[in-house]
Amino acid sequence: MSGRTTVWISSGATSYACLCEACLDAARRDGVLFADALASARVHGELAREADTAVVRCGAGHTIVLRRAERPLALRRDDRQLSLT
């Protein structure tokens, strides 16, 4: 494993939460309990709405690349869709 995780973020998101794949892989190799692995691999934070790409690091120092993804045309909001605020 390269130690790099890419996470796709929706176009309007201002926060993120994900798991570091490198941390999960290392925990599996080391025989760490799954619940403990999830807790140590969790990464979260804020993201500026205008940022298209950001690079963050997990607690172990692995690189996580955050990239904005354009919403598929079929899922874009129109007046017929329910809006939750």
PDB file of N, CA and C in Angstrom:
ATOM      1  N   MET A   1       0.855  -1.190   0.000  1.00  0.00           N
ATOM      2  CA  MET A   1       0.000   0.000   0.000  1.00  0.00           C
ATOM      3  C   MET A   1       0.884   1.231   0.000  1.00  0.00           C
ATOM      4  N   SER A   2       0.522   2.244  -0.765  1.00  0.00           N
ATOM      5  CA  SER A   2       1.347   3.436  -0.930  1.00  0.00           C
ATOM      6  C   SER A   2       1.255   4.403   0.235  1.00  0.00           C
ATOM      7  N   GLY A   3       0.273   4.246   1.112  1.00  0.00           N
ATOM      8  CA  GLY A   3       0.116   5.200   2.209  1.00  0.00           C
ATOM      9  C   GLY A   3      -0.677   6.421   1.803  1.00  0.00           C
ATOM     10  N   ARG A   4      -1.307   6.370   0.636  1.00  0.00           N
ATOM     11  CA  ARG A   4      -2.076   7.520   0.153  1.00  0.00           C
ATOM     12  C   ARG A   4      -3.515   7.093  -0.128  1.00  0.00           C
ATOM     13  N   THR A   5      -4.453   7.845   0.406  1.00  0.00           N
ATOM     14  CA  THR A   5      -5.873   7.598   0.216  1.00  0.00           C
ATOM     15  C   THR A   5      -6.461   8.797  -0.520  1.00  0.00           C
ATOM     16  N   THR A   6      -7.337   8.563  -1.495  1.00  0.00           N
ATOM     17  CA  THR A   6      -8.050   9.647  -2.159  1.00  0.00           C
ATOM     18  C   THR A   6      -9.520   9.554  -1.771  1.00  0.00           C
ATOM     19  N   VAL A   7     -10.072  10.690  -1.348  1.00  0.00           N
ATOM     20  CA  VAL A   7     -11.466  10.761  -0.918  1.00  0.00           C
ATOM     21  C   VAL A   7     -12.168  11.788  -1.796  1.00  0.00           C
ATOM     22  N   TRP A   8     -13.302  11.401  -2.357  1.00  0.00           N
ATOM     23  CA  TRP A   8     -14.081  12.305  -3.204  1.00  0.00           C
ATOM     24  C   TRP A   8     -15.138  12.988  -2.355  1.00  0.00           C
ATOM     25  N   ILE A   9     -15.160  14.314  -2.411  1.00  0.00           N
ATOM     26  CA  ILE A   9     -16.038  15.153  -1.602  1.00  0.00           C
ATOM     27  C   ILE A   9     -17.083  15.796  -2.513  1.00  0.00           C
ATOM     28  N   SER A  10     -18.306  15.886  -2.050  1.00  0.00           N
ATOM     29  CA  SER A  10     -19.344  16.527  -2.863  1.00  0.00           C
ATOM     30  C   SER A  10     -19.045  18.012  -3.043  1.00  0.00           C
ATOM     31  N   SER A  11     -19.610  18.582  -4.060  1.00  0.00           N
ATOM     32  CA  SER A  11     -19.293  19.961  -4.441  1.00  0.00           C
ATOM     33  C   SER A  11     -19.635  20.987  -3.372  1.00  0.00           C
ATOM     34  N   GLY A  12     -20.637  20.737  -2.548  1.00  0.00           N
ATOM     35  CA  GLY A  12     -21.026  21.715  -1.544  1.00  0.00           C
ATOM     36  C   GLY A  12     -20.548  21.414  -0.130  1.00  0.00           C
ATOM     37  N   ALA A  13     -19.803  20.343   0.055  1.00  0.00           N
ATOM     38  CA  ALA A  13     -19.379  19.939   1.404  1.00  0.00           C
ATOM     39  C   ALA A  13     -18.379  20.923   2.008  1.00  0.00           C
ATOM     40  N   THR A  14     -18.513  21.168   3.294  1.00  0.00           N
ATOM     41  CA  THR A  14     -17.549  22.017   4.004  1.00  0.00           C
ATOM     42  C   THR A  14     -16.862  21.242   5.127  1.00  0.00           C
ATOM     43  N   SER A  15     -17.205  19.977   5.263  1.00  0.00           N
ATOM     44  CA  SER A  15     -16.519  19.125   6.229  1.00  0.00           C
ATOM     45  C   SER A  15     -16.408  17.728   5.633  1.00  0.00           C
ATOM     46  N   TYR A  16     -15.534  16.915   6.220  1.00  0.00           N
ATOM     47  CA  TYR A  16     -15.341  15.564   5.725  1.00  0.00           C
ATOM     48  C   TYR A  16     -15.033  14.634   6.893  1.00  0.00           C
ATOM     49  N   ALA A  17     -15.292  13.379   6.707  1.00  0.00           N
ATOM     50  CA  ALA A  17     -14.915  12.316   7.629  1.00  0.00           C
ATOM     51  C   ALA A  17     -14.643  11.090   6.771  1.00  0.00           C
ATOM     52  N   CYS A  18     -13.519  10.449   6.992  1.00  0.00           N
ATOM     53  CA  CYS A  18     -13.148   9.296   6.192  1.00  0.00           C
ATOM     54  C   CYS A  18     -12.243   8.387   7.015  1.00  0.00           C
ATOM     55  N   LEU A  19     -11.854   7.289   6.413  1.00  0.00           N
ATOM     56  CA  LEU A  19     -10.921   6.358   7.036  1.00  0.00           C
ATOM     57  C   LEU A  19      -9.646   6.305   6.210  1.00  0.00           C
ATOM     58  N   CYS A  20      -8.515   6.250   6.885  1.00  0.00           N
ATOM     59  CA  CYS A  20      -7.230   6.120   6.202  1.00  0.00           C
ATOM     60  C   CYS A  20      -7.035   4.649   5.834  1.00  0.00           C
ATOM     61  N   GLU A  21      -6.958   4.374   4.547  1.00  0.00           N
ATOM     62  CA  GLU A  21      -6.811   3.004   4.081  1.00  0.00           C
ATOM     63  C   GLU A  21      -5.484   2.400   4.512  1.00  0.00           C
ATOM     64  N   ALA A  22      -4.425   3.198   4.545  1.00  0.00           N
ATOM     65  CA  ALA A  22      -3.110   2.689   4.968  1.00  0.00           C
ATOM     66  C   ALA A  22      -3.136   2.268   6.435  1.00  0.00           C
ATOM     67  N   CYS A  23      -3.811   3.036   7.275  1.00  0.00           N
ATOM     68  CA  CYS A  23      -3.935   2.686   8.695  1.00  0.00           C
ATOM     69  C   CYS A  23      -4.740   1.402   8.866  1.00  0.00           C
ATOM     70  N   LEU A  24      -5.817   1.257   8.113  1.00  0.00           N
ATOM     71  CA  LEU A  24      -6.622   0.041   8.195  1.00  0.00           C
ATOM     72  C   LEU A  24      -5.824  -1.176   7.746  1.00  0.00           C
ATOM     73  N   ASP A  25      -5.044  -1.013   6.687  1.00  0.00           N
ATOM     74  CA  ASP A  25      -4.226  -2.112   6.186  1.00  0.00           C
ATOM     75  C   ASP A  25      -3.162  -2.504   7.220  1.00  0.00           C
ATOM     76  N   ALA A  26      -2.523  -1.515   7.826  1.00  0.00           N
ATOM     77  CA  ALA A  26      -1.502  -1.793   8.841  1.00  0.00           C
ATOM     78  C   ALA A  26      -2.116  -2.482  10.055  1.00  0.00           C
ATOM     79  N   ALA A  27      -3.296  -2.039  10.467  1.00  0.00           N
ATOM     80  CA  ALA A  27      -3.970  -2.645  11.606  1.00  0.00           C
ATOM     81  C   ALA A  27      -4.327  -4.103  11.313  1.00  0.00           C
ATOM     82  N   ARG A  28      -4.761  -4.367  10.104  1.00  0.00           N
ATOM     83  CA  ARG A  28      -5.087  -5.742   9.710  1.00  0.00           C
ATOM     84  C   ARG A  28      -3.838  -6.622   9.777  1.00  0.00           C
ATOM     85  N   ARG A  29      -2.730  -6.126   9.253  1.00  0.00           N
ATOM     86  CA  ARG A  29      -1.477  -6.887   9.283  1.00  0.00           C
ATOM     87  C   ARG A  29      -1.009  -7.142  10.710  1.00  0.00           C
ATOM     88  N   ASP A  30      -1.236  -6.157  11.587  1.00  0.00           N
ATOM     89  CA  ASP A  30      -0.775  -6.264  12.974  1.00  0.00           C
ATOM     90  C   ASP A  30      -1.753  -6.996  13.888  1.00  0.00           C
ATOM     91  N   GLY A  31      -2.913  -7.401  13.358  1.00  0.00           N
ATOM     92  CA  GLY A  31      -3.885  -8.132  14.149  1.00  0.00           C
ATOM     93  C   GLY A  31      -4.665  -7.281  15.133  1.00  0.00           C
ATOM     94  N   VAL A  32      -4.780  -5.992  14.858  1.00  0.00           N
ATOM     95  CA  VAL A  32      -5.523  -5.077  15.726  1.00  0.00           C
ATOM     96  C   VAL A  32      -7.022  -5.363  15.587  1.00  0.00           C
ATOM     97  N   LEU A  33      -7.738  -5.283  16.690  1.00  0.00           N
ATOM     98  CA  LEU A  33      -9.189  -5.453  16.640  1.00  0.00           C
ATOM     99  C   LEU A  33      -9.808  -4.440  15.682  1.00  0.00           C
ATOM    100  N   PHE A  34     -10.824  -4.878  14.948  1.00  0.00           N
ATOM    101  CA  PHE A  34     -11.430  -4.024  13.925  1.00  0.00           C
ATOM    102  C   PHE A  34     -11.953  -2.703  14.499  1.00  0.00           C
ATOM    103  N   ALA A  35     -12.621  -2.757  15.645  1.00  0.00           N
ATOM    104  CA  ALA A  35     -13.152  -1.525  16.258  1.00  0.00           C
ATOM    105  C   ALA A  35     -12.032  -0.562  16.615  1.00  0.00           C
ATOM    106  N   ASP A  36     -10.915  -1.077  17.107  1.00  0.00           N
ATOM    107  CA  ASP A  36      -9.763  -0.221  17.429  1.00  0.00           C
ATOM    108  C   ASP A  36      -9.145   0.352  16.160  1.00  0.00           C
ATOM    109  N   ALA A  37      -9.096  -0.460  15.107  1.00  0.00           N
ATOM    110  CA  ALA A  37      -8.552   0.006  13.828  1.00  0.00           C
ATOM    111  C   ALA A  37      -9.397   1.142  13.265  1.00  0.00           C
ATOM    112  N   LEU A  38     -10.718   1.010  13.347  1.00  0.00           N
ATOM    113  CA  LEU A  38     -11.600   2.072  12.853  1.00  0.00           C
ATOM    114  C   LEU A  38     -11.371   3.375  13.615  1.00  0.00           C
ATOM    115  N   ALA A  39     -11.247   3.272  14.923  1.00  0.00           N
ATOM    116  CA  ALA A  39     -11.056   4.476  15.748  1.00  0.00           C
ATOM    117  C   ALA A  39      -9.745   5.176  15.408  1.00  0.00           C
ATOM    118  N   SER A  40      -8.682   4.424  15.198  1.00  0.00           N
ATOM    119  CA  SER A  40      -7.390   5.054  14.929  1.00  0.00           C
ATOM    120  C   SER A  40      -7.244   5.517  13.483  1.00  0.00           C
ATOM    121  N   ALA A  41      -8.042   4.961  12.570  1.00  0.00           N
ATOM    122  CA  ALA A  41      -7.949   5.330  11.152  1.00  0.00           C
ATOM    123  C   ALA A  41      -8.861   6.493  10.774  1.00  0.00           C
ATOM    124  N   ARG A  42      -9.702   6.925  11.688  1.00  0.00           N
ATOM    125  CA  ARG A  42     -10.679   7.986  11.376  1.00  0.00           C
ATOM    126  C   ARG A  42      -9.985   9.336  11.223  1.00  0.00           C
ATOM    127  N   VAL A  43     -10.351  10.034  10.170  1.00  0.00           N
ATOM    128  CA  VAL A  43      -9.815  11.363   9.874  1.00  0.00           C
ATOM    129  C   VAL A  43     -11.008  12.260   9.568  1.00  0.00           C
ATOM    130  N   HIS A  44     -11.022  13.465  10.128  1.00  0.00           N
ATOM    131  CA  HIS A  44     -12.134  14.379   9.861  1.00  0.00           C
ATOM    132  C   HIS A  44     -11.643  15.817   9.988  1.00  0.00           C
ATOM    133  N   GLY A  45     -12.405  16.713   9.400  1.00  0.00           N
ATOM    134  CA  GLY A  45     -12.035  18.122   9.465  1.00  0.00           C
ATOM    135  C   GLY A  45     -12.939  18.992   8.618  1.00  0.00           C
ATOM    136  N   GLU A  46     -12.525  20.219   8.478  1.00  0.00           N
ATOM    137  CA  GLU A  46     -13.265  21.208   7.687  1.00  0.00           C
ATOM    138  C   GLU A  46     -12.565  21.423   6.352  1.00  0.00           C
ATOM    139  N   LEU A  47     -13.339  21.839   5.374  1.00  0.00           N
ATOM    140  CA  LEU A  47     -12.821  22.087   4.035  1.00  0.00           C
ATOM    141  C   LEU A  47     -13.480  23.342   3.485  1.00  0.00           C
ATOM    142  N   ALA A  48     -12.674  24.281   3.030  1.00  0.00           N
ATOM    143  CA  ALA A  48     -13.213  25.513   2.449  1.00  0.00           C
ATOM    144  C   ALA A  48     -14.048  25.168   1.215  1.00  0.00           C
ATOM    145  N   ARG A  49     -15.195  25.808   1.086  1.00  0.00           N
ATOM    146  CA  ARG A  49     -16.105  25.518  -0.029  1.00  0.00           C
ATOM    147  C   ARG A  49     -15.439  25.759  -1.386  1.00  0.00           C
ATOM    148  N   GLU A  50     -14.524  26.703  -1.463  1.00  0.00           N
ATOM    149  CA  GLU A  50     -13.881  27.015  -2.749  1.00  0.00           C
ATOM    150  C   GLU A  50     -12.685  26.112  -3.061  1.00  0.00           C
ATOM    151  N   ALA A  51     -12.287  25.266  -2.133  1.00  0.00           N
ATOM    152  CA  ALA A  51     -11.140  24.365  -2.361  1.00  0.00           C
ATOM    153  C   ALA A  51     -11.568  23.180  -3.221  1.00  0.00           C
ATOM    154  N   ASP A  52     -10.879  22.997  -4.340  1.00  0.00           N
ATOM    155  CA  ASP A  52     -11.162  21.852  -5.210  1.00  0.00           C
ATOM    156  C   ASP A  52     -10.390  20.617  -4.778  1.00  0.00           C
ATOM    157  N   THR A  53      -9.206  20.832  -4.201  1.00  0.00           N
ATOM    158  CA  THR A  53      -8.344  19.751  -3.756  1.00  0.00           C
ATOM    159  C   THR A  53      -7.660  20.172  -2.469  1.00  0.00           C
ATOM    160  N   ALA A  54      -7.496  19.242  -1.560  1.00  0.00           N
ATOM    161  CA  ALA A  54      -6.749  19.510  -0.327  1.00  0.00           C
ATOM    162  C   ALA A  54      -5.996  18.240   0.043  1.00  0.00           C
ATOM    163  N   VAL A  55      -4.887  18.413   0.741  1.00  0.00           N
ATOM    164  CA  VAL A  55      -4.106  17.283   1.216  1.00  0.00           C
ATOM    165  C   VAL A  55      -4.062  17.370   2.733  1.00  0.00           C
ATOM    166  N   VAL A  56      -4.453  16.284   3.394  1.00  0.00           N
ATOM    167  CA  VAL A  56      -4.416  16.211   4.850  1.00  0.00           C
ATOM    168  C   VAL A  56      -3.647  14.951   5.230  1.00  0.00           C
ATOM    169  N   ARG A  57      -3.341  14.824   6.503  1.00  0.00           N
ATOM    170  CA  ARG A  57      -2.633  13.639   6.991  1.00  0.00           C
ATOM    171  C   ARG A  57      -3.401  13.033   8.152  1.00  0.00           C
ATOM    172  N   CYS A  58      -3.381  11.722   8.225  1.00  0.00           N
ATOM    173  CA  CYS A  58      -3.989  11.033   9.355  1.00  0.00           C
ATOM    174  C   CYS A  58      -3.048  11.152  10.554  1.00  0.00           C
ATOM    175  N   GLY A  59      -3.450  10.616  11.683  1.00  0.00           N
ATOM    176  CA  GLY A  59      -2.627  10.679  12.881  1.00  0.00           C
ATOM    177  C   GLY A  59      -1.277   9.988  12.734  1.00  0.00           C
ATOM    178  N   ALA A  60      -1.195   8.990  11.846  1.00  0.00           N
ATOM    179  CA  ALA A  60       0.053   8.261  11.616  1.00  0.00           C
ATOM    180  C   ALA A  60       0.910   8.922  10.539  1.00  0.00           C
ATOM    181  N   GLY A  61       0.382   9.980   9.902  1.00  0.00           N
ATOM    182  CA  GLY A  61       1.153  10.705   8.891  1.00  0.00           C
ATOM    183  C   GLY A  61       0.921  10.291   7.457  1.00  0.00           C
ATOM    184  N   HIS A  62      -0.016   9.403   7.206  1.00  0.00           N
ATOM    185  CA  HIS A  62      -0.315   9.004   5.828  1.00  0.00           C
ATOM    186  C   HIS A  62      -1.041  10.134   5.102  1.00  0.00           C
ATOM    187  N   THR A  63      -0.756  10.278   3.824  1.00  0.00           N
ATOM    188  CA  THR A  63      -1.362  11.318   3.003  1.00  0.00           C
ATOM    189  C   THR A  63      -2.767  10.932   2.574  1.00  0.00           C
ATOM    190  N   ILE A  64      -3.697  11.887   2.731  1.00  0.00           N
ATOM    191  CA  ILE A  64      -5.065  11.722   2.258  1.00  0.00           C
ATOM    192  C   ILE A  64      -5.371  12.914   1.359  1.00  0.00           C
ATOM    193  N   VAL A  65      -5.738  12.626   0.124  1.00  0.00           N
ATOM    194  CA  VAL A  65      -6.051  13.669  -0.846  1.00  0.00           C
ATOM    195  C   VAL A  65      -7.569  13.795  -0.920  1.00  0.00           C
ATOM    196  N   LEU A  66      -8.056  15.003  -0.691  1.00  0.00           N
ATOM    197  CA  LEU A  66      -9.486  15.297  -0.798  1.00  0.00           C
ATOM    198  C   LEU A  66      -9.725  15.984  -2.138  1.00  0.00           C
ATOM    199  N   ARG A  67     -10.649  15.467  -2.908  1.00  0.00           N
ATOM    200  CA  ARG A  67     -10.969  16.052  -4.222  1.00  0.00           C
ATOM    201  C   ARG A  67     -12.472  16.250  -4.335  1.00  0.00           C
ATOM    202  N   ARG A  68     -12.832  17.367  -4.910  1.00  0.00           N
ATOM    203  CA  ARG A  68     -14.253  17.634  -5.164  1.00  0.00           C
ATOM    204  C   ARG A  68     -14.700  16.846  -6.380  1.00  0.00           C
ATOM    205  N   ALA A  69     -15.903  16.330  -6.305  1.00  0.00           N
ATOM    206  CA  ALA A  69     -16.485  15.601  -7.430  1.00  0.00           C
ATOM    207  C   ALA A  69     -17.728  16.337  -7.881  1.00  0.00           C
ATOM    208  N   GLU A  70     -17.866  16.507  -9.166  1.00  0.00           N
ATOM    209  CA  GLU A  70     -19.072  17.119  -9.713  1.00  0.00           C
ATOM    210  C   GLU A  70     -20.216  16.133  -9.551  1.00  0.00           C
ATOM    211  N   ARG A  71     -21.332  16.610  -9.126  1.00  0.00           N
ATOM    212  CA  ARG A  71     -22.498  15.759  -8.920  1.00  0.00           C
ATOM    213  C   ARG A  71     -23.041  15.294 -10.270  1.00  0.00           C
ATOM    214  N   PRO A  72     -23.352  14.013 -10.407  1.00  0.00           N
ATOM    215  CA  PRO A  72     -23.897  13.527 -11.681  1.00  0.00           C
ATOM    216  C   PRO A  72     -25.162  14.293 -12.056  1.00  0.00           C
ATOM    217  N   LEU A  73     -25.347  14.513 -13.331  1.00  0.00           N
ATOM    218  CA  LEU A  73     -26.487  15.272 -13.840  1.00  0.00           C
ATOM    219  C   LEU A  73     -27.810  14.727 -13.288  1.00  0.00           C
ATOM    220  N   ALA A  74     -27.939  13.418 -13.198  1.00  0.00           N
ATOM    221  CA  ALA A  74     -29.180  12.816 -12.725  1.00  0.00           C
ATOM    222  C   ALA A  74     -29.457  13.135 -11.255  1.00  0.00           C
ATOM    223  N   LEU A  75     -28.429  13.516 -10.495  1.00  0.00           N
ATOM    224  CA  LEU A  75     -28.605  13.801  -9.068  1.00  0.00           C
ATOM    225  C   LEU A  75     -28.607  15.292  -8.743  1.00  0.00           C
ATOM    226  N   ARG A  76     -28.447  16.125  -9.735  1.00  0.00           N
ATOM    227  CA  ARG A  76     -28.454  17.568  -9.477  1.00  0.00           C
ATOM    228  C   ARG A  76     -29.837  18.023  -9.083  1.00  0.00           C
ATOM    229  N   ARG A  77     -29.885  18.987  -8.207  1.00  0.00           N
ATOM    230  CA  ARG A  77     -31.149  19.453  -7.641  1.00  0.00           C
ATOM    231  C   ARG A  77     -31.973  20.237  -8.661  1.00  0.00           C
ATOM    232  N   ASP A  78     -33.228  19.949  -8.660  1.00  0.00           N
ATOM    233  CA  ASP A  78     -34.177  20.792  -9.385  1.00  0.00           C
ATOM    234  C   ASP A  78     -35.390  21.001  -8.477  1.00  0.00           C
ATOM    235  N   ASP A  79     -36.337  21.788  -8.908  1.00  0.00           N
ATOM    236  CA  ASP A  79     -37.474  22.163  -8.058  1.00  0.00           C
ATOM    237  C   ASP A  79     -38.386  20.993  -7.677  1.00  0.00           C
ATOM    238  N   ARG A  80     -38.270  19.881  -8.381  1.00  0.00           N
ATOM    239  CA  ARG A  80     -39.104  18.721  -8.076  1.00  0.00           C
ATOM    240  C   ARG A  80     -38.526  17.849  -6.960  1.00  0.00           C
ATOM    241  N   GLN A  81     -37.261  18.087  -6.572  1.00  0.00           N
ATOM    242  CA  GLN A  81     -36.616  17.264  -5.562  1.00  0.00           C
ATOM    243  C   GLN A  81     -36.846  17.804  -4.160  1.00  0.00           C
ATOM    244  N   LEU A  82     -36.898  16.910  -3.220  1.00  0.00           N
ATOM    245  CA  LEU A  82     -37.017  17.267  -1.812  1.00  0.00           C
ATOM    246  C   LEU A  82     -35.715  17.889  -1.341  1.00  0.00           C
ATOM    247  N   SER A  83     -35.812  18.969  -0.609  1.00  0.00           N
ATOM    248  CA  SER A  83     -34.632  19.639  -0.086  1.00  0.00           C
ATOM    249  C   SER A  83     -34.636  19.562   1.428  1.00  0.00           C
ATOM    250  N   LEU A  84     -33.593  19.004   2.005  1.00  0.00           N
ATOM    251  CA  LEU A  84     -33.450  18.920   3.457  1.00  0.00           C
ATOM    252  C   LEU A  84     -32.461  19.970   3.900  1.00  0.00           C
ATOM    253  N   THR A  85     -32.837  20.812   4.844  1.00  0.00           N
ATOM    254  CA  THR A  85     -31.928  21.848   5.326  1.00  0.00           C
ATOM    255  C   THR A  85     -31.713  21.739   6.801  1.00  0.00           C
TER     256      THR A  85
END
